[in-house]
Protein backbone atom coordinates (compact mmCIF):
# COMPACT_ATOMS: atom_id res chain seq x y z
CA MET A 1 -5.00 -2.55 -22.63
CA LYS A 2 -2.74 -4.27 -20.08
CA GLU A 3 -1.21 -0.96 -19.04
CA LYS A 4 -4.65 0.54 -18.41
CA VAL A 5 -5.49 -2.34 -16.07
CA THR A 6 -2.29 -1.63 -14.12
CA TYR A 7 -3.71 1.73 -13.10
CA LEU A 8 -6.66 -0.01 -11.47
CA TYR A 9 -4.51 -1.80 -8.86
CA PRO A 10 -3.85 1.25 -6.65
CA VAL A 11 -7.47 2.36 -7.11
CA PHE A 12 -8.67 -1.07 -5.96
CA ILE A 13 -6.40 -1.04 -2.88
CA VAL A 14 -7.42 2.51 -1.90
CA GLY A 15 -11.09 1.67 -2.39
CA THR A 16 -10.82 -1.49 -0.31
CA LEU A 17 -8.96 0.32 2.48
CA THR A 18 -11.56 3.09 2.52
CA LEU A 19 -14.39 0.55 2.70
CA VAL A 20 -12.74 -1.46 5.48
CA SER A 21 -11.76 1.53 7.60
CA GLY A 22 -15.38 2.70 7.51
CA GLN A 23 -16.56 -0.54 9.16
CA THR A 24 -17.32 -0.54 12.88
CA GLU A 25 -15.77 -3.98 13.27
CA VAL A 26 -13.17 -5.49 10.99
CA ALA A 27 -13.32 -9.24 10.60
CA ALA A 28 -9.93 -10.70 11.39
CA PRO A 29 -8.91 -14.18 12.52
CA ASP A 30 -7.90 -14.58 16.15
CA VAL A 31 -4.41 -16.07 16.07
CA GLY A 32 -3.52 -15.23 19.66
CA ILE A 33 -1.42 -12.16 18.84
CA SER A 34 -2.29 -8.86 17.25
CA LEU A 35 -1.21 -8.75 13.64
CA ASP A 36 -2.65 -5.26 13.19
CA LYS A 37 0.66 -3.45 12.64
CA VAL A 38 1.94 -6.20 10.35
CA ALA A 39 -1.24 -5.92 8.29
CA HIS A 40 -0.82 -2.13 8.04
CA PHE A 41 2.83 -2.57 7.00
CA VAL A 42 2.01 -5.16 4.31
CA VAL A 43 -1.09 -3.50 2.86
CA PHE A 44 0.48 -0.05 2.56
CA GLY A 45 3.62 -1.66 1.15
CA ALA A 46 1.40 -3.27 -1.48
CA LEU A 47 -0.20 0.11 -2.20
CA ALA A 48 3.22 1.73 -2.65
CA THR A 49 4.34 -1.14 -4.88
CA SER A 50 1.24 -0.81 -7.05
CA ILE A 51 2.01 2.89 -7.50
CA ILE A 52 5.75 2.66 -8.17
CA ARG A 53 5.10 -0.03 -10.82
CA LEU A 54 2.78 2.21 -12.85
CA PRO A 55 3.90 2.61 -16.47
CA VAL A 56 4.12 6.39 -16.07
CA PHE A 57 7.10 5.89 -13.72
CA ARG A 58 8.93 3.34 -15.87
CA ASP A 59 11.50 5.91 -17.05
CA LYS A 60 11.29 8.07 -13.92
CA PRO A 61 12.30 5.83 -11.01
CA SER A 62 12.97 8.65 -8.54
CA ARG A 63 9.62 10.27 -9.23
CA GLY A 64 7.92 6.88 -8.85
CA PHE A 65 9.69 6.29 -5.52
CA TRP A 66 8.66 9.63 -4.04
CA THR A 67 5.13 9.50 -5.43
CA ALA A 68 4.55 5.98 -4.07
CA LEU A 69 6.03 6.83 -0.68
CA LEU A 70 4.29 10.17 -0.18
CA PHE A 71 0.92 9.08 -1.53
CA SER A 72 0.86 5.87 0.51
CA ALA A 73 2.03 7.50 3.74
CA GLY A 74 -0.36 10.42 3.20
CA PHE A 75 -3.23 8.07 2.54
CA GLY A 76 -2.32 6.21 5.74
CA ILE A 77 -2.82 9.44 7.68
CA LEU A 78 -6.12 10.10 5.90
CA ASP A 79 -7.19 6.54 6.63
CA GLU A 80 -6.59 7.08 10.35
CA TRP A 81 -8.62 10.29 10.20
CA HIS A 82 -11.40 8.40 8.40
CA GLN A 83 -11.37 5.81 11.19
CA SER A 84 -11.78 8.59 13.74
CA THR A 85 -15.18 9.37 12.19
CA THR A 86 -16.30 5.74 12.42
CA PRO A 87 -18.09 4.68 15.63
CA GLY A 88 -16.22 1.95 17.46
CA ARG A 89 -12.90 2.63 15.74
CA GLN A 90 -9.95 4.48 17.17
CA VAL A 91 -6.97 6.33 15.79
CA GLU A 92 -3.48 5.02 16.48
CA VAL A 93 -0.36 6.92 15.53
CA ALA A 94 1.43 3.54 15.47
CA ASP A 95 -0.86 2.48 12.60
CA ALA A 96 0.16 5.52 10.54
CA VAL A 97 3.82 4.80 11.34
CA ALA A 98 3.39 1.16 10.22
CA ASP A 99 1.72 2.43 7.02
CA ALA A 100 4.61 4.78 6.26
CA LEU A 101 7.26 2.16 7.08
CA GLY A 102 5.54 -0.38 4.83
CA ALA A 103 5.43 2.16 2.00
CA LEU A 104 9.07 3.14 2.56
CA THR A 105 10.27 -0.47 2.66
CA ALA A 106 8.34 -1.54 -0.45
CA SER A 107 9.32 1.56 -2.44
CA SER A 108 12.97 1.21 -1.43
CA LEU A 109 13.11 -2.47 -2.32
CA TYR A 110 11.57 -1.85 -5.72
CA ARG A 111 13.75 1.20 -6.41
CA TRP A 112 17.14 -0.10 -5.30
CA VAL A 113 17.11 -3.90 -5.07
CA PHE A 114 17.43 -5.21 -8.62
CA TRP A 115 16.52 -8.84 -7.98
CA TYR A 116 13.36 -7.81 -6.11
CA ARG A 117 12.26 -5.54 -8.95
CA ALA A 118 13.11 -8.24 -11.50
CA LEU A 119 11.06 -10.76 -9.53
CA LEU A 120 8.01 -8.50 -9.53
CA GLU A 121 8.37 -7.74 -13.23
CA TRP A 122 9.08 -11.34 -14.29
CA LYS A 123 6.56 -12.66 -16.77
CA PRO A 124 6.54 -16.45 -16.99
CA VAL A 125 4.87 -16.36 -20.40
CA ARG A 126 5.61 -13.64 -22.94
CA VAL A 127 2.67 -12.85 -25.16
């Protein structure tokens, strides 16, 4: 059952991104600087991480890396297109670049940095 729930994480992130990018105005706190690109980087890194951690890729790390990277970066491009159809929103190539860089960074860390992968897979309580 736990493994089936794992498959819902990328679905949840994609659904949330689709919902938010279809909004005319996105609620975001005003902190004096634009955190837009940082948000793109982090959210698409989270999407890539949720994909690469899927049980289907447990014994296929290279396939998981490429699937997470290509799906996340491709979805970033589709997300920008989706925004172009939303009144009041605009398309920025820099957003798609931030999406792809977030996906690349997260996938690379998980694939090649052991302590990072171990941290994400650490279970404080074994059941």
